[in-house]
């Protein structure tokens, strides 16, 4: 199992995310860190599910450009 530091190192997350681009996001809760299984977009200061447009109700601690075409 990857440690929190290793997961955070895999996600850029520095500065503001590029607007209107699909991104992979890393979230964190009381159980640990996890990557959402869907792409998200940073729109008007909020994270949204790229496919549905629904707001992400998790604490996002990192983001990165997609690493594969699977998203």
Protein backbone atom coordinates (compact mmCIF):
# COMPACT_ATOMS: atom_id res chain seq x y z
CA UNK A 1 0.00 0.00 0.00
CA UNK A 2 1.35 3.41 -0.96
CA UNK A 3 1.98 5.92 1.78
CA UNK A 4 0.36 9.33 1.80
CA UNK A 5 3.64 10.99 0.86
CA UNK A 6 4.19 8.67 -2.11
CA UNK A 7 0.66 9.29 -3.39
CA UNK A 8 1.01 13.06 -2.99
CA UNK A 9 4.32 12.97 -4.87
CA UNK A 10 2.51 11.42 -7.86
CA UNK A 11 0.11 14.35 -8.10
CA UNK A 12 1.27 17.87 -8.93
CA UNK A 13 -1.36 19.92 -7.21
CA UNK A 14 0.78 23.05 -7.00
CA UNK A 15 -0.92 26.28 -7.92
CA UNK A 16 -4.34 26.53 -9.45
CA UNK A 17 -5.47 23.66 -11.66
CA UNK A 18 -5.79 24.49 -15.36
CA UNK A 19 -9.42 25.47 -16.02
CA UNK A 20 -11.66 23.33 -18.17
CA UNK A 21 -9.27 20.39 -18.59
CA UNK A 22 -10.09 16.85 -17.44
CA UNK A 23 -7.78 16.00 -14.53
CA UNK A 24 -7.09 13.10 -12.20
CA UNK A 25 -7.59 14.05 -8.57
CA UNK A 26 -6.32 12.64 -5.30
CA UNK A 27 -8.69 12.91 -2.35
CA UNK A 28 -8.28 12.34 1.36
CA UNK A 29 -10.59 11.42 4.22
CA UNK A 30 -10.35 9.75 7.62
CA UNK A 31 -9.46 6.43 5.93
CA UNK A 32 -6.56 7.78 3.87
CA UNK A 33 -5.86 8.99 0.34
CA UNK A 34 -7.48 7.69 -2.82
CA UNK A 35 -7.75 8.61 -6.49
CA UNK A 36 -11.24 9.18 -7.84
CA UNK A 37 -12.13 6.68 -10.59
CA UNK A 38 -13.31 9.46 -12.92
CA UNK A 39 -11.85 12.63 -14.39
CA UNK A 40 -12.70 15.98 -12.83
CA UNK A 41 -12.61 19.59 -13.96
CA UNK A 42 -11.86 22.72 -11.95
CA UNK A 43 -14.73 25.08 -12.80
CA UNK A 44 -15.44 28.37 -11.02
CA UNK A 45 -13.38 27.36 -7.99
CA UNK A 46 -15.04 23.95 -7.55
CA UNK A 47 -14.17 20.41 -8.56
CA UNK A 48 -16.75 18.76 -10.81
CA UNK A 49 -17.14 15.29 -12.28
CA UNK A 50 -16.08 15.64 -15.91
CA UNK A 51 -18.79 13.30 -17.19
CA UNK A 52 -21.82 14.27 -15.08
CA UNK A 53 -20.96 17.83 -14.04
CA UNK A 54 -21.80 16.96 -10.44
CA UNK A 55 -19.80 18.61 -7.67
CA UNK A 56 -17.10 16.52 -6.01
CA UNK A 57 -17.89 16.34 -2.31
CA UNK A 58 -14.48 15.06 -1.24
CA UNK A 59 -11.39 16.87 -0.03
CA UNK A 60 -9.07 17.10 -3.03
CA UNK A 61 -5.41 17.20 -1.97
CA UNK A 62 -3.73 16.83 -5.36
CA UNK A 63 -4.34 16.84 -9.10
CA UNK A 64 -2.52 15.94 -12.31
CA UNK A 65 -3.06 15.67 -16.03
CA UNK A 66 -4.39 12.22 -17.02
CA UNK A 67 -1.64 9.64 -17.36
CA UNK A 68 -3.61 7.33 -19.66
CA UNK A 69 -6.42 7.53 -22.17
CA UNK A 70 -8.60 5.38 -19.89
CA UNK A 71 -10.23 8.49 -18.44
